[in-house]
Amino acid sequence: MRELQRRLTAVWVYDGRINGRYDEEVRDAVARYQSWRYIPDDPEGVYGPDTRRILEENTPDI
């Protein structure tokens, strides 16, 4: 989860603590990222395979 939080921070959708928890703040950041990148195949706020693939492609140095 810390890696996810770092990646979300790198793309400017998360500014919370890097604590390894998938809380409401992280879920909301994932949903924002999905909306910005138009990722319709994963449920809103769920860090599914499509969201992960696209986020990792856009944050290769994390």
Protein backbone atom coordinates (compact mmCIF):
# COMPACT_ATOMS: atom_id res chain seq x y z
CA MET A 1 0.00 0.00 0.00
CA ARG A 2 2.86 2.40 0.59
CA GLU A 3 3.92 2.02 -3.03
CA LEU A 4 0.36 2.81 -4.14
CA GLN A 5 0.32 5.90 -1.93
CA ARG A 6 3.68 7.04 -3.35
CA ARG A 7 2.45 6.54 -6.91
CA LEU A 8 -0.77 8.45 -6.23
CA THR A 9 1.30 11.25 -4.70
CA ALA A 10 3.51 11.32 -7.81
CA VAL A 11 0.47 11.92 -10.04
CA TRP A 12 -0.93 14.63 -7.75
CA VAL A 13 -4.12 12.89 -6.58
CA TYR A 14 -3.03 12.04 -3.01
CA ASP A 15 -1.41 14.22 -0.38
CA GLY A 16 -2.02 12.15 2.72
CA ARG A 17 0.36 10.17 4.89
CA ILE A 18 2.36 7.30 3.46
CA ASN A 19 1.22 4.78 6.06
CA GLY A 20 0.31 1.65 4.10
CA ARG A 21 -3.42 1.88 4.79
CA TYR A 22 -6.12 1.71 2.14
CA ASP A 23 -8.41 4.17 3.83
CA GLU A 24 -11.10 6.47 2.49
CA GLU A 25 -8.54 9.10 1.47
CA VAL A 26 -6.65 6.57 -0.68
CA ARG A 27 -9.89 5.20 -2.13
CA ASP A 28 -10.93 8.73 -3.09
CA ALA A 29 -7.51 9.35 -4.69
CA VAL A 30 -7.82 6.13 -6.71
CA ALA A 31 -11.31 7.20 -7.84
CA ARG A 32 -9.99 10.63 -8.88
CA TYR A 33 -7.17 9.03 -10.84
CA GLN A 34 -9.60 6.65 -12.55
CA SER A 35 -11.78 9.59 -13.52
CA TRP A 36 -8.87 11.69 -14.81
CA ARG A 37 -7.45 8.80 -16.85
CA TYR A 38 -10.85 7.36 -17.82
CA ILE A 39 -10.38 3.85 -16.45
CA PRO A 40 -13.86 2.32 -16.63
CA ASP A 41 -12.99 -1.38 -16.19
CA ASP A 42 -12.26 -1.30 -12.43
CA PRO A 43 -14.99 -0.27 -9.97
CA GLU A 44 -14.70 3.30 -8.74
CA GLY A 45 -12.08 3.59 -6.00
CA VAL A 46 -10.91 0.00 -6.41
CA TYR A 47 -7.23 -0.49 -7.20
CA GLY A 48 -7.88 -3.19 -9.77
CA PRO A 49 -5.66 -4.56 -12.55
CA ASP A 50 -6.41 -1.86 -15.13
CA THR A 51 -5.92 0.98 -12.68
CA ARG A 52 -2.69 -0.58 -11.46
CA ARG A 53 -1.33 -1.09 -14.97
CA ILE A 54 -2.03 2.49 -16.05
CA LEU A 55 -0.74 4.00 -12.80
CA GLU A 56 2.48 1.95 -13.00
CA GLU A 57 2.96 2.98 -16.64
CA ASN A 58 2.69 6.63 -15.58
CA THR A 59 4.98 6.32 -12.55
CA PRO A 60 7.81 4.04 -13.72
CA ASP A 61 10.44 5.42 -11.32
CA ILE A 62 8.55 4.60 -8.11
